[in-house]
Protein backbone atom coordinates (compact mmCIF):
# COMPACT_ATOMS: atom_id res chain seq x y z
CA MET A 1 124.12 7.06 -98.62
CA THR A 2 123.46 7.38 -94.88
CA CYS A 3 120.29 9.01 -93.52
CA ARG A 4 122.31 12.08 -92.62
CA GLY A 5 123.85 12.25 -96.09
CA ALA A 6 120.42 11.88 -97.73
CA LYS A 7 119.03 14.72 -95.63
CA ALA A 8 121.97 16.91 -96.63
CA ALA A 9 121.33 16.20 -100.30
CA ILE A 10 117.65 17.12 -99.89
CA VAL A 11 118.56 20.38 -98.15
CA ALA A 12 120.90 21.32 -100.99
CA ALA A 13 118.37 20.37 -103.64
CA THR A 14 115.65 22.40 -101.91
CA ALA A 15 117.94 25.43 -101.71
CA ALA A 16 118.70 25.09 -105.41
CA ALA A 17 115.00 24.84 -106.24
CA VAL A 18 114.28 28.03 -104.31
CA PHE A 19 117.11 29.72 -106.15
CA LEU A 20 115.73 28.63 -109.50
CA ALA A 21 112.19 29.85 -108.85
CA GLY A 22 111.70 33.01 -110.85
CA CYS A 23 114.96 32.77 -112.83
CA ALA A 24 114.53 33.57 -116.50
CA GLY A 25 115.68 31.49 -119.41
CA ARG A 26 114.91 27.97 -118.10
CA PRO A 27 118.21 27.46 -116.24
CA GLU A 28 119.62 23.96 -116.08
CA ILE A 29 120.63 22.16 -112.92
CA ILE A 30 122.59 19.03 -112.14
CA GLN A 31 120.35 16.63 -110.27
CA ASP A 32 121.78 13.85 -108.11
CA ARG A 33 120.01 10.50 -108.47
CA GLU A 34 118.69 10.69 -104.89
CA ALA A 35 117.63 14.35 -104.99
CA PRO A 36 113.91 15.17 -105.29
CA GLU A 37 112.29 16.39 -108.50
CA PHE A 38 112.44 20.13 -109.19
CA GLY A 39 109.25 20.37 -111.24
CA HIS A 40 108.74 21.64 -114.76
CA SER A 41 110.27 25.11 -114.22
CA ALA A 42 113.84 23.80 -114.61
CA ALA A 43 115.36 21.67 -117.34
CA LEU A 44 117.09 18.71 -115.70
CA THR A 45 119.47 17.88 -118.53
CA PRO A 46 122.94 17.43 -116.97
CA LEU A 47 125.15 20.41 -117.71
CA LEU A 48 128.41 19.47 -115.99
CA PRO A 49 129.52 16.37 -114.08
CA PRO A 50 128.99 16.43 -110.30
CA LEU A 51 131.91 17.22 -108.03
CA ASP A 52 134.15 14.30 -107.16
CA GLY A 53 133.55 13.31 -103.55
CA SER A 54 136.20 10.61 -103.47
CA GLY A 55 137.90 10.16 -100.11
CA LEU A 56 134.91 11.53 -98.17
CA SER A 57 132.27 9.52 -96.36
CA SER A 58 128.61 10.36 -96.91
CA ASP A 59 128.49 12.03 -93.49
CA ASP A 60 131.61 14.12 -94.21
CA ARG A 61 130.57 15.21 -97.69
CA GLY A 62 127.57 17.18 -96.48
CA ALA A 63 125.30 18.73 -99.11
CA PRO A 64 126.74 18.35 -102.64
CA ALA A 65 127.45 21.36 -104.82
CA ARG A 66 124.72 22.35 -107.25
CA ARG A 67 125.85 23.49 -110.69
CA ILE A 68 123.26 25.77 -112.21
CA ARG A 69 123.18 27.36 -115.64
CA VAL A 70 121.86 30.87 -114.98
CA GLY A 71 122.19 32.33 -118.45
CA THR A 72 124.30 32.54 -121.58
CA SER A 73 126.77 35.08 -122.93
CA VAL A 74 126.25 37.16 -126.06
CA GLU A 75 127.87 34.39 -128.11
CA GLY A 76 125.96 31.61 -126.36
CA ARG A 77 128.53 30.38 -123.85
CA PRO A 78 126.99 29.07 -120.59
CA LEU A 79 127.13 31.09 -117.39
CA VAL A 80 127.35 28.56 -114.58
CA VAL A 81 126.96 29.10 -110.83
CA GLU A 82 128.09 26.48 -108.30
CA VAL A 83 126.27 26.60 -104.96
CA PHE A 84 127.91 24.97 -101.94
CA GLY A 85 126.23 24.34 -98.61
CA ALA A 86 123.05 25.84 -97.19
CA GLY A 87 122.18 28.13 -94.33
CA PRO A 88 121.09 31.64 -93.32
CA VAL A 89 124.37 33.25 -94.43
CA THR A 90 124.72 33.55 -98.20
CA ALA A 91 127.82 34.73 -100.06
CA LEU A 92 128.25 35.33 -103.78
CA VAL A 93 131.67 35.15 -105.47
CA ILE A 94 132.14 36.37 -109.05
CA GLY A 95 135.26 36.01 -111.17
CA GLY A 96 136.19 37.20 -114.64
CA ILE A 97 133.86 40.17 -115.13
CA HIS A 98 136.69 41.53 -117.27
CA GLY A 99 137.69 38.96 -119.86
CA ASP A 100 141.39 39.83 -119.82
CA GLU A 101 141.74 39.34 -116.05
CA GLY A 102 142.35 35.63 -115.77
CA ALA A 103 143.63 35.77 -112.19
CA GLY A 104 140.10 36.30 -110.88
CA VAL A 105 138.79 33.30 -112.82
CA ALA A 106 141.65 31.10 -111.62
CA VAL A 107 141.14 31.98 -107.95
CA ALA A 108 137.35 31.56 -108.19
CA ARG A 109 137.81 28.09 -109.69
CA ARG A 110 140.32 27.11 -107.03
CA LEU A 111 137.90 28.30 -104.35
CA ALA A 112 135.21 26.04 -105.84
CA GLU A 113 137.66 23.12 -105.88
CA PHE A 114 138.57 23.83 -102.26
CA LEU A 115 134.91 23.86 -101.17
CA GLY A 116 134.35 20.63 -103.08
CA ARG A 117 137.18 18.97 -101.13
CA SER A 118 136.41 20.73 -97.82
CA PRO A 119 132.61 21.04 -97.58
CA GLN A 120 132.83 21.75 -93.86
CA ALA A 121 134.02 25.25 -94.82
CA ALA A 122 130.53 25.98 -96.20
CA ARG A 123 128.52 24.47 -93.37
CA GLY A 124 125.91 26.86 -91.97
CA ARG A 125 125.98 29.04 -95.08
CA ALA A 126 125.40 28.93 -98.83
CA ILE A 127 128.31 30.00 -101.03
CA ALA A 128 127.59 30.62 -104.71
CA ILE A 129 130.44 30.97 -107.21
CA LEU A 130 130.20 32.28 -110.77
CA ALA A 131 133.81 31.68 -111.74
CA GLU A 132 133.71 33.14 -115.27
CA ALA A 133 131.20 35.94 -115.78
CA ASN A 134 132.53 37.06 -119.17
CA PRO A 135 133.48 33.96 -121.18
CA ASP A 136 133.30 35.77 -124.53
CA GLY A 137 135.79 38.37 -123.33
CA ALA A 138 138.03 35.59 -122.01
CA ALA A 139 137.96 33.87 -125.40
CA ARG A 140 138.91 37.16 -127.08
CA HIS A 141 141.21 38.23 -124.24
CA THR A 142 139.38 41.56 -124.02
CA ARG A 143 138.15 43.54 -121.05
CA THR A 144 134.72 43.90 -122.64
CA ASN A 145 132.13 41.34 -123.69
CA ALA A 146 131.37 40.45 -127.32
CA ASN A 147 129.29 43.63 -127.69
CA GLY A 148 132.22 45.79 -126.63
CA VAL A 149 130.60 46.60 -123.27
CA ASP A 150 132.52 46.75 -119.99
CA LEU A 151 130.29 44.62 -117.77
CA ASN A 152 131.64 46.37 -114.68
CA ARG A 153 130.18 49.63 -116.01
CA ASN A 154 126.85 48.07 -117.08
CA PHE A 155 125.13 47.57 -113.74
CA PRO A 156 122.00 49.66 -113.03
CA ALA A 157 123.69 51.77 -110.35
CA ARG A 158 122.43 55.27 -109.73
CA ASN A 159 125.65 56.65 -111.21
CA TRP A 160 125.51 54.59 -114.43
CA ARG A 161 126.41 56.38 -117.63
CA ALA A 162 127.01 55.05 -121.12
CA GLY A 163 130.31 56.73 -121.87
CA ARG A 164 131.94 56.40 -125.26
CA LYS A 165 131.63 53.35 -127.50
CA ASP A 166 135.25 53.60 -128.56
CA ARG A 167 136.52 53.18 -124.99
CA SER A 168 137.18 49.92 -123.14
CA ASP A 169 135.07 51.16 -120.22
CA TYR A 170 131.94 51.72 -122.37
CA GLY A 171 128.89 51.23 -120.12
CA GLY A 172 126.58 49.95 -122.84
CA PRO A 173 123.49 51.43 -124.53
CA ALA A 174 121.45 51.10 -121.31
CA PRO A 175 121.91 49.84 -117.75
CA ALA A 176 121.90 46.02 -117.59
CA SER A 177 121.73 45.80 -121.39
CA GLU A 178 124.04 42.76 -121.48
CA PRO A 179 123.00 39.12 -120.88
CA GLU A 180 125.99 38.54 -118.61
CA THR A 181 125.00 41.49 -116.39
CA GLN A 182 121.41 40.28 -116.35
CA ALA A 183 122.52 36.81 -115.20
CA ILE A 184 124.51 38.28 -112.30
CA LEU A 185 121.54 40.43 -111.29
CA ARG A 186 119.24 37.38 -111.35
CA VAL A 187 121.63 35.42 -109.16
CA ALA A 188 121.91 38.30 -106.68
CA GLU A 189 118.14 38.77 -106.61
CA ARG A 190 117.46 35.08 -105.96
CA LEU A 191 120.24 34.53 -103.39
CA GLN A 192 119.99 37.89 -101.58
CA PRO A 193 123.65 37.59 -100.49
CA ASP A 194 124.78 39.22 -97.27
CA ARG A 195 128.30 39.60 -98.74
CA LEU A 196 129.73 39.67 -102.23
CA PHE A 197 133.24 39.19 -103.60
CA ALA A 198 134.27 40.27 -107.11
CA LEU A 199 137.64 38.82 -108.14
CA HIS A 200 139.60 40.94 -110.60
CA GLY A 201 143.15 41.07 -111.86
CA THR A 202 145.32 44.15 -112.13
CA ALA A 203 148.48 44.85 -114.07
CA SER A 204 148.39 48.67 -113.85
CA GLN A 205 148.06 49.05 -110.08
CA LYS A 206 149.03 47.19 -106.95
CA PRO A 207 146.77 44.41 -105.66
CA CYS A 208 144.32 45.56 -103.01
CA ASN A 209 141.19 44.82 -101.01
CA ASN A 210 138.83 47.46 -102.37
CA TYR A 211 135.47 47.68 -100.62
CA ASP A 212 132.05 49.30 -101.06
CA GLY A 213 129.16 49.45 -98.64
CA PRO A 214 129.60 48.17 -95.06
CA ALA A 215 132.53 45.91 -95.99
CA ALA A 216 135.48 47.62 -94.28
CA GLY A 217 135.63 44.84 -91.68
CA PHE A 218 135.85 42.16 -94.36
CA ALA A 219 138.55 44.14 -96.17
CA GLN A 220 140.60 44.50 -92.99
CA LEU A 221 140.25 40.80 -92.21
CA MET A 222 141.44 39.92 -95.69
CA ALA A 223 144.33 42.39 -95.53
CA ALA A 224 145.58 40.66 -92.38
CA ARG A 225 145.77 37.42 -94.39
CA ASN A 226 146.82 38.44 -97.90
CA GLY A 227 148.91 41.52 -97.07
CA TYR A 228 147.13 43.69 -99.66
CA PRO A 229 146.19 47.27 -98.68
CA VAL A 230 142.61 48.22 -97.84
CA LEU A 231 141.17 50.85 -100.20
CA ALA A 232 137.77 52.53 -100.17
CA SER A 233 138.55 53.90 -103.65
CA ILE A 234 140.84 52.78 -106.45
CA GLY A 235 141.45 56.38 -107.44
CA HIS A 236 139.14 56.87 -110.42
CA PRO A 237 135.35 56.85 -110.91
CA THR A 238 133.62 53.57 -111.71
CA PRO A 239 130.06 54.47 -112.80
CA GLY A 240 127.78 51.48 -113.22
CA SER A 241 130.14 49.11 -111.42
CA LEU A 242 129.04 46.09 -109.41
CA GLY A 243 130.53 47.80 -106.35
CA ASN A 244 128.36 50.87 -106.85
CA TRP A 245 125.20 48.89 -107.56
CA ALA A 246 125.61 46.44 -104.68
CA GLY A 247 127.61 48.32 -102.06
CA VAL A 248 126.70 51.97 -102.52
CA ASP A 249 123.09 51.71 -103.72
CA ARG A 250 121.91 48.57 -101.92
CA GLY A 251 124.15 48.41 -98.85
CA ILE A 252 125.46 44.91 -99.56
CA PRO A 253 129.03 44.51 -98.28
CA ILE A 254 131.19 43.92 -101.34
CA ILE A 255 134.90 43.36 -101.76
CA THR A 256 136.58 43.93 -105.11
CA LEU A 257 139.70 41.83 -104.76
CA GLU A 258 142.35 43.12 -107.17
CA LEU A 259 144.81 40.28 -107.83
CA PRO A 260 148.28 40.61 -109.39
CA GLU A 261 147.85 39.63 -113.07
CA GLY A 262 151.55 38.85 -113.47
CA ARG A 263 151.40 35.99 -110.97
CA SER A 264 150.16 32.48 -111.66
CA GLY A 265 146.65 31.46 -110.65
CA GLY A 266 148.11 29.03 -108.13
CA GLU A 267 150.21 31.73 -106.51
CA CYS A 268 147.26 34.14 -106.35
CA TRP A 269 145.17 31.41 -104.74
CA GLU A 270 147.80 30.64 -102.12
CA GLN A 271 148.10 34.33 -101.29
CA ASN A 272 144.32 34.64 -100.86
CA ARG A 273 143.02 31.23 -99.78
CA GLN A 274 142.91 32.01 -96.08
CA ALA A 275 141.66 35.55 -96.67
CA LEU A 276 138.72 34.37 -98.79
CA VAL A 277 137.77 31.39 -96.64
CA GLU A 278 137.80 33.46 -93.44
CA ALA A 279 135.88 36.34 -95.01
CA LEU A 280 133.26 33.92 -96.33
CA SER A 281 132.76 32.38 -92.89
CA ALA A 282 133.12 35.50 -90.71
CA ASP A 283 130.27 37.23 -88.98
CA GLY A 284 129.34 40.45 -90.75
CA PRO A 285 126.88 43.32 -90.79
CA ALA A 286 123.30 42.64 -91.73
CA THR A 287 122.49 43.58 -95.29
CA SER A 288 120.44 46.74 -95.59
CA ARG A 289 118.44 47.55 -98.70
CA PRO A 290 116.55 50.72 -99.60
C-alpha cells in the first residue's frame, strides 16, 4: 500500500472508531490488517468480508468501506452499516424499514456496490448505508418486524402514538421499543448526518420523492434525475415515522424515496442511480437541531 493509501485507511479507521464510541451492544467492525487498533470497546471479530478493490490502485481506492454491526433484530439477525469515505459532510441511507418492500433494500445494496467500485463519489464526505433495517420482516415478507411493530411508526417523534395492535401500522408499546429502531437511532446519534435517505417501495401509490424538514432542494434535484414527483406529504398521517422524527422534530433534511415495487431492483437502481449520487454529493442546508 502506498503512503497515500495507508493514510486513507487510517482516516477511515479513525472515523469508524469515533462512530463506535458510545454505541451499545459491543458492535463488531471489520478491521483491515494495516488499520490501527480500536481498543477494547469494539469486538474485532470479522463480520463480513472486506469490499473487493480489484482493478483499483491503492491511490485510487481511497479509504476502504467499514462494515459495522450496530445491533441485532428481534430474532437475532445482524444489522450492518457500511461507511464509505470520510469528511465533514455525512449522509445516512436506510433501506428496508418495511420488510415487504424489497426495492429499497435492492437499491441500497446497489448503492453500496457502486461506492465500493467508485470511491471517488464519497470523497470529502462520509456515507453510511444500512441496507436492510428490518431483516426479520424481510424473512417473513411482512411490513412489520417480528414483534408485529411497524418500525416506521416506532420512532420517538413528537407525534408518536401506539395505534392498534391488530393493524400493520402499529407503532409499538412505546416509542423506540424495537431493537431495529434503537439501532437506527444510535447510528444517527453517532454520525449526526446532515442528510438522510429512507428507501421504501410502493405498490399502492406512484413512486415519489417525499421530503421532510429542509429537504425540498434535494427532492427537486432527485426529481430532475428520476422523474418522480416531489411531495411534501404522501396523503395520510405517519405518526412516529423516521421522517417526522428526523425532518420535522430535528430539522435534518430527509428524503423518503418511494420506489415502484413492481419493478426489478436493477431497474429501480438505474432509475435512481444519478438522483441518489448527486443528492449525496450536493451542497445542502446546515442541519438544525432543537
